[in-house]
Amino acid sequence: MKKQRTAVLEKPSSGTRSAVLYGMQSDAEVDMYRKVRAYLLQNPRANAMQVANATNVSVYKITQFVREGLLRH
C-alpha cells in the first residue's frame, strides 16, 4: 500500500513569510500552518485531534486549512 502524503498549495515567495501561502493573514497563522504540515508529513494518518494535541493548533484552525485547500487528504 502506498503511503498517503499531504499536498500543499503554495505560491512563489515574494520575500515575506506571510506572502508565501494563499489566504494567510499573519505570520502566526503561517507558523501554525507550517507546524501542522510538518506533523502531517511525518504522521500522514493522524486525525485532526491528534494533530491539534501534537502541534497546539486548534482543531478549528486545522479544519479551516483543509476547507481552504491548504491541506488535502
Protein backbone atom coordinates (compact mmCIF):
# COMPACT_ATOMS: atom_id res chain seq x y z
CA MET A 1 0.00 0.00 0.00
CA LYS A 2 1.35 3.40 -0.99
CA LYS A 3 1.79 5.96 1.79
CA GLN A 4 -0.55 8.92 1.50
CA ARG A 5 1.10 12.35 1.57
CA THR A 6 -0.35 15.75 2.40
CA ALA A 7 -0.47 18.11 -0.57
CA VAL A 8 0.03 21.83 -0.13
CA LEU A 9 -0.82 24.76 -2.36
CA GLU A 10 1.89 27.40 -2.27
CA LYS A 11 2.81 30.32 -4.47
CA PRO A 12 6.36 31.56 -5.10
CA SER A 13 7.82 33.60 -2.28
CA SER A 14 7.89 37.33 -2.75
CA GLY A 15 10.24 37.97 0.14
CA THR A 16 7.86 37.96 3.12
CA ARG A 17 6.90 34.88 5.09
CA SER A 18 3.17 35.60 5.11
CA ALA A 19 3.14 36.12 1.32
CA VAL A 20 4.27 32.54 0.74
CA LEU A 21 0.86 30.97 1.36
CA TYR A 22 -2.51 31.86 -0.11
CA GLY A 23 -5.01 33.31 2.34
CA MET A 24 -2.68 33.65 5.32
CA GLN A 25 -3.36 36.81 7.31
CA SER A 26 -0.40 36.83 9.72
CA ASP A 27 2.97 35.29 10.46
CA ALA A 28 1.37 33.45 13.39
CA GLU A 29 -1.09 31.77 11.01
CA VAL A 30 1.77 30.81 8.68
CA ASP A 31 3.64 29.30 11.64
CA MET A 32 0.56 27.29 12.66
CA TYR A 33 0.16 26.00 9.11
CA ARG A 34 3.82 25.01 8.87
CA LYS A 35 3.65 23.15 12.21
CA VAL A 36 0.58 21.24 11.06
CA ARG A 37 2.08 20.47 7.65
CA ALA A 38 5.36 19.23 9.16
CA TYR A 39 3.50 16.99 11.60
CA LEU A 40 1.30 15.55 8.84
CA LEU A 41 4.30 14.80 6.64
CA GLN A 42 5.68 12.64 9.47
CA ASN A 43 2.26 11.26 10.52
CA PRO A 44 0.07 11.09 7.40
CA ARG A 45 -2.69 9.03 9.05
CA ALA A 46 -3.18 11.36 12.04
CA ASN A 47 -6.64 12.79 12.60
CA ALA A 48 -7.38 16.43 13.44
CA MET A 49 -7.44 15.82 17.20
CA GLN A 50 -4.06 14.10 17.17
CA VAL A 51 -2.57 16.90 15.08
CA ALA A 52 -4.06 19.53 17.40
CA ASN A 53 -2.64 17.84 20.50
CA ALA A 54 0.81 17.48 18.95
CA THR A 55 1.08 20.98 17.47
CA ASN A 56 -1.02 23.12 19.86
CA VAL A 57 -3.05 24.34 16.88
CA SER A 58 -6.83 24.21 17.36
CA VAL A 59 -8.95 21.62 15.58
CA TYR A 60 -10.97 24.53 14.20
CA LYS A 61 -7.86 26.05 12.57
CA ILE A 62 -6.74 22.67 11.18
CA THR A 63 -10.14 22.05 9.60
CA GLN A 64 -10.09 25.60 8.25
CA PHE A 65 -6.79 24.81 6.49
CA VAL A 66 -8.41 21.70 4.99
CA ARG A 67 -11.53 23.61 3.86
CA GLU A 68 -9.37 26.29 2.25
CA GLY A 69 -7.49 23.63 0.29
CA LEU A 70 -4.15 24.18 2.02
CA LEU A 71 -4.11 20.63 3.33
CA ARG A 72 -5.61 17.76 1.39
CA HIS A 73 -6.21 14.16 2.29
